[in-house]
Amino acid sequence: MSLKLFDLTGRRALITGSSQGIGLALAGGLAAAGAEVVLNGRDAAKLDAAVSGLRAAGAKASGSAFDVTDEAQIAQAVGRIEREHGAIDILVNNAGMQYRAPLEEFPAEKFRELFRVNVESMFLVGKAVARHMIPRQRGRIVNIGSVQSELARPTIAPYTATKGAVKMLTRGMCGDWAKHGLQVNGIGPGYFKTLLNQALVDDPVFSGWLEKRTPAGRWGTVDELVGAVVFLASDAASFVNGHMLYVDGGVTAVL
């Protein structure tokens, strides 16, 4: 009986920014738990390749190419998914970006872009999907934050600000939508081996610092995020709301 709580068979999940990296791993994990998955990205060729890879592994997967910062594109895409595929039961707001520079030299246009991609997109996609979930009185939304929702490091202050905003937006969504039967939670990944982090992984000084800073003593692998997203998307989390679940090897637990 307990394992059935994690079964996502018959449910449909939209995962933004899922043509590679963490988003693709989360999509694969949801599919393995039984969900039909709809991947999103702006690069149609990369998106098609990701969908093909999941289908080859036995997943029921499709793609929806749209810009998560464009409200009109989002509305059209969400409406099309609901009409052609069926109800979106699970939304994973994963799309995001990073930019590093000393704060005193940080370009203002990059500051604004970070907030547009990392925060505004979650508001826009979340709102568009919630408008369909609310009349059904059910739905799961999982926003991807970061250990930077709690902690800062040099050269990424604006990114840190966006991830702090993600944490509070998650709580705000819970405040508005829990009464309509929606569960809105977040995941805060620590440092994971991804293509976007490859330069840091390959830097012996940074990797050495990270391994000492992390109680687990290592980088995470993207597959280690799957359990968290399946839990928050499933009936096992039916009374979990407004929560940020940190998957970070203990980084946020110690000085």
Protein backbone atom coordinates (compact mmCIF):
# COMPACT_ATOMS: atom_id res chain seq x y z
CA MET A 1 0.00 0.00 0.00
CA SER A 2 2.74 2.47 0.93
CA LEU A 3 4.51 2.17 -2.44
CA LYS A 4 1.24 3.00 -4.24
CA LEU A 5 1.45 6.46 -2.68
CA PHE A 6 4.38 7.18 -5.02
CA ASP A 7 2.73 5.77 -8.17
CA LEU A 8 2.18 8.47 -10.81
CA THR A 9 0.48 6.24 -13.38
CA GLY A 10 -2.20 8.13 -15.27
CA ARG A 11 -0.82 11.57 -14.41
CA ARG A 12 0.71 14.11 -16.74
CA ALA A 13 3.68 16.32 -15.91
CA LEU A 14 5.03 19.43 -17.63
CA ILE A 15 8.69 20.09 -16.84
CA THR A 16 10.16 23.40 -17.99
CA GLY A 17 13.78 23.65 -19.09
CA SER A 18 14.00 19.88 -19.44
CA SER A 19 15.98 19.21 -22.62
CA GLN A 20 19.13 18.55 -20.56
CA GLY A 21 20.63 18.44 -17.08
CA ILE A 22 18.50 18.49 -13.96
CA GLY A 23 15.25 19.05 -15.85
CA LEU A 24 15.78 16.02 -18.06
CA ALA A 25 16.69 13.87 -15.05
CA LEU A 26 13.50 14.97 -13.26
CA ALA A 27 11.42 14.21 -16.35
CA GLY A 28 12.96 10.75 -16.57
CA GLY A 29 12.27 10.11 -12.91
CA LEU A 30 8.63 11.15 -13.17
CA ALA A 31 8.23 8.96 -16.26
CA ALA A 32 9.78 5.99 -14.44
CA ALA A 33 7.18 6.50 -11.69
CA GLY A 34 4.44 6.15 -14.31
CA ALA A 35 3.72 9.72 -15.40
CA GLU A 36 3.34 10.91 -18.97
CA VAL A 37 5.85 13.73 -19.35
CA VAL A 38 5.85 16.85 -21.51
CA LEU A 39 9.31 18.32 -21.90
CA ASN A 40 9.95 22.01 -22.56
CA GLY A 41 12.78 24.04 -24.01
CA ARG A 42 13.43 26.76 -26.58
CA ASP A 43 15.81 24.73 -28.77
CA ALA A 44 13.50 22.46 -30.78
CA ALA A 45 16.30 20.15 -31.99
CA LYS A 46 17.67 19.61 -28.49
CA LEU A 47 14.13 19.10 -27.18
CA ASP A 48 13.36 16.49 -29.85
CA ALA A 49 16.55 14.61 -28.97
CA ALA A 50 15.62 14.57 -25.28
CA VAL A 51 12.10 13.32 -26.04
CA SER A 52 13.47 10.61 -28.32
CA GLY A 53 15.87 9.46 -25.61
CA LEU A 54 13.08 9.12 -23.05
CA ARG A 55 10.83 7.30 -25.51
CA ALA A 56 13.65 4.87 -26.29
CA ALA A 57 13.80 4.12 -22.57
CA GLY A 58 10.08 3.30 -22.55
CA ALA A 59 8.67 6.62 -21.36
CA LYS A 60 5.50 8.22 -22.65
CA ALA A 61 6.99 11.59 -23.58
CA SER A 62 6.38 14.55 -25.84
CA GLY A 63 7.81 18.04 -26.27
CA SER A 64 6.45 21.57 -26.15
CA ALA A 65 8.83 24.29 -27.35
CA PHE A 66 7.99 27.68 -25.86
CA ASP A 67 9.68 30.59 -24.11
CA VAL A 68 8.90 30.47 -20.39
CA THR A 69 9.27 34.26 -20.15
CA ASP A 70 6.65 34.98 -22.85
CA GLU A 71 3.14 35.06 -21.36
CA ALA A 72 1.38 34.69 -24.71
CA GLN A 73 3.49 31.67 -25.72
CA ILE A 74 2.92 30.09 -22.31
CA ALA A 75 -0.87 30.48 -22.53
CA GLN A 76 -0.93 28.98 -26.02
CA ALA A 77 1.31 26.07 -25.07
CA VAL A 78 -0.52 25.21 -21.84
CA GLY A 79 -3.87 25.40 -23.63
CA ARG A 80 -2.59 23.16 -26.40
CA ILE A 81 -1.26 20.55 -23.95
CA GLU A 82 -4.56 20.52 -22.07
CA ARG A 83 -6.54 20.10 -25.32
CA GLU A 84 -4.32 17.62 -27.14
CA HIS A 85 -2.80 15.56 -24.33
CA GLY A 86 -5.09 16.09 -21.34
CA ALA A 87 -4.92 17.68 -17.91
CA ILE A 88 -1.58 18.83 -16.55
CA ASP A 89 -1.54 17.21 -13.12
CA ILE A 90 2.06 18.11 -12.23
CA LEU A 91 4.12 21.19 -13.09
CA VAL A 92 7.85 21.29 -12.42
CA ASN A 93 9.17 24.83 -12.80
CA ASN A 94 12.81 24.07 -13.55
CA ALA A 95 13.89 26.57 -16.23
CA GLY A 96 16.64 28.87 -15.02
CA MET A 97 19.97 30.50 -15.79
CA GLN A 98 23.17 31.58 -14.07
CA TYR A 99 25.56 34.50 -14.64
CA ARG A 100 28.69 35.20 -12.60
CA ALA A 101 30.42 38.52 -12.05
CA PRO A 102 31.62 40.62 -9.10
CA LEU A 103 28.58 42.48 -7.81
CA GLU A 104 30.13 45.92 -8.35
CA GLU A 105 30.61 45.03 -12.02
CA PHE A 106 27.39 43.04 -12.53
CA PRO A 107 25.57 44.22 -15.70
CA ALA A 108 22.12 45.60 -14.95
CA GLU A 109 20.66 43.87 -18.00
CA LYS A 110 21.91 40.49 -16.69
CA PHE A 111 20.39 41.21 -13.27
CA ARG A 112 17.02 41.80 -14.93
CA GLU A 113 17.41 38.74 -17.17
CA LEU A 114 18.12 36.52 -14.17
CA PHE A 115 14.91 37.63 -12.47
CA ARG A 116 12.93 37.24 -15.69
CA VAL A 117 14.14 33.68 -16.32
CA ASN A 118 14.48 32.40 -12.75
CA VAL A 119 11.48 34.05 -11.05
CA GLU A 120 9.05 35.64 -13.48
CA SER A 121 8.90 32.44 -15.55
CA MET A 122 7.74 30.49 -12.49
CA PHE A 123 5.03 33.06 -11.84
CA LEU A 124 3.86 33.06 -15.47
CA VAL A 125 3.91 29.30 -16.05
CA GLY A 126 2.59 28.59 -12.56
CA LYS A 127 -0.33 30.97 -13.06
CA ALA A 128 -1.20 29.57 -16.49
CA VAL A 129 -1.22 25.97 -15.24
CA ALA A 130 -2.95 26.78 -11.94
CA ARG A 131 -5.87 28.33 -13.82
CA HIS A 132 -6.58 24.84 -15.17
CA MET A 133 -5.80 23.04 -11.91
CA ILE A 134 -8.00 25.21 -9.68
CA PRO A 135 -11.37 24.21 -11.25
CA ARG A 136 -10.32 20.56 -10.91
CA GLN A 137 -9.42 21.15 -7.24
CA ARG A 138 -6.15 19.21 -7.57
CA GLY A 139 -2.60 19.62 -8.82
CA ARG A 140 1.06 19.55 -7.87
CA ILE A 141 3.55 22.35 -8.54
CA VAL A 142 7.24 21.87 -7.77
CA ASN A 143 9.53 24.90 -8.09
CA ILE A 144 13.27 24.31 -8.39
CA GLY A 145 15.21 26.57 -6.05
CA SER A 146 18.77 26.05 -4.82
CA VAL A 147 20.95 26.00 -1.73
CA GLN A 148 21.30 29.65 -2.80
CA SER A 149 17.72 30.06 -1.58
CA GLU A 150 19.47 30.12 1.82
CA LEU A 151 23.18 30.77 1.24
CA ALA A 152 25.26 33.30 -0.70
CA ARG A 153 28.61 33.08 -2.45
CA PRO A 154 30.77 35.72 -4.16
CA THR A 155 30.00 36.63 -7.81
CA ILE A 156 26.42 35.26 -7.78
CA ALA A 157 24.54 37.72 -5.55
CA PRO A 158 21.72 38.37 -8.10
CA TYR A 159 21.30 34.62 -8.70
CA THR A 160 21.09 34.16 -4.93
CA ALA A 161 18.41 36.85 -4.80
CA THR A 162 16.38 35.05 -7.48
CA LYS A 163 16.53 31.74 -5.65
CA GLY A 164 15.50 33.40 -2.40
CA ALA A 165 12.56 34.80 -4.34
CA VAL A 166 11.72 31.31 -5.61
CA LYS A 167 11.45 30.09 -2.00
CA MET A 168 9.06 32.90 -1.08
CA LEU A 169 7.07 32.63 -4.32
CA THR A 170 6.59 28.94 -3.51
CA ARG A 171 5.19 29.87 -0.10
CA GLY A 172 3.02 32.56 -1.68
CA MET A 173 1.60 30.12 -4.23
CA CYS A 174 0.77 27.79 -1.35
CA GLY A 175 -0.94 30.65 0.46
CA ASP A 176 -3.19 31.39 -2.52
CA TRP A 177 -3.76 27.94 -3.99
CA ALA A 178 -3.72 25.36 -1.18
CA LYS A 179 -7.41 26.10 -0.53
CA HIS A 180 -8.07 24.96 -4.12
CA GLY A 181 -6.48 21.54 -3.55
CA LEU A 182 -3.05 22.37 -4.96
CA GLN A 183 0.24 21.35 -3.33
CA VAL A 184 3.03 23.81 -4.12
CA ASN A 185 6.51 22.92 -2.91
CA GLY A 186 10.12 23.44 -3.88
CA ILE A 187 13.35 21.51 -4.21
CA GLY A 188 16.68 23.13 -3.33
CA PRO A 189 19.50 21.26 -5.08
CA GLY A 190 23.01 21.58 -3.75
CA TYR A 191 26.02 21.24 -6.03
CA PHE A 192 25.42 18.67 -8.76
CA LYS A 193 27.53 17.41 -11.63
CA THR A 194 25.87 18.89 -14.72
CA LEU A 195 27.08 20.32 -18.03
CA LEU A 196 26.44 23.82 -16.71
CA ASN A 197 28.66 23.10 -13.69
CA GLN A 198 31.36 21.25 -15.61
CA ALA A 199 33.91 24.07 -15.31
CA LEU A 200 33.49 24.01 -11.53
CA VAL A 201 33.64 20.23 -11.40
CA ASP A 202 36.90 20.33 -13.38
CA ASP A 203 38.41 23.05 -11.16
CA PRO A 204 40.44 21.17 -8.50
CA VAL A 205 40.45 24.17 -6.17
CA PHE A 206 36.66 24.59 -6.25
CA SER A 207 35.96 20.86 -6.12
CA GLY A 208 38.34 20.48 -3.20
CA TRP A 209 36.62 23.31 -1.34
CA LEU A 210 33.16 21.89 -2.09
CA GLU A 211 34.04 18.39 -0.94
CA LYS A 212 35.30 19.77 2.36
CA ARG A 213 32.30 22.11 2.72
CA THR A 214 29.73 19.34 2.05
CA PRO A 215 29.17 16.87 4.91
CA ALA A 216 28.64 14.10 2.34
CA GLY A 217 32.08 14.93 0.95
CA ARG A 218 31.19 14.95 -2.75
CA TRP A 219 29.22 16.42 -5.63
CA GLY A 220 25.69 15.17 -6.16
CA THR A 221 24.51 13.35 -9.28
CA VAL A 222 21.28 14.45 -10.97
CA ASP A 223 19.62 11.08 -10.41
CA GLU A 224 19.72 11.83 -6.67
CA LEU A 225 17.06 14.51 -7.20
CA VAL A 226 14.52 12.06 -8.61
CA GLY A 227 13.22 10.77 -5.28
CA ALA A 228 12.42 14.29 -4.09
CA VAL A 229 10.42 15.26 -7.17
CA VAL A 230 8.50 11.96 -7.23
CA PHE A 231 7.65 12.39 -3.55
CA LEU A 232 6.41 15.97 -3.95
CA ALA A 233 4.43 15.07 -7.09
CA SER A 234 2.76 12.06 -5.50
CA ASP A 235 0.01 11.29 -3.02
CA ALA A 236 2.73 10.68 -0.43
CA ALA A 237 3.01 14.48 -0.14
CA SER A 238 -0.73 15.17 0.12
CA PHE A 239 -0.33 17.34 3.25
CA VAL A 240 3.07 18.85 2.38
CA ASN A 241 2.64 22.43 1.21
CA GLY A 242 4.81 25.54 0.94
CA HIS A 243 7.92 23.50 1.77
CA MET A 244 11.47 23.72 0.35
CA LEU A 245 13.16 20.32 0.37
CA TYR A 246 16.95 20.71 0.24
CA VAL A 247 18.83 17.91 -1.51
CA ASP A 248 22.35 19.07 -0.87
CA GLY A 249 24.42 16.48 0.97
CA GLY A 250 24.06 18.54 4.14
CA VAL A 251 25.45 21.89 2.91
CA THR A 252 22.62 23.95 4.43
CA ALA A 253 22.81 22.06 7.73
CA VAL A 254 26.33 23.07 8.81
CA LEU A 255 28.71 26.01 8.88
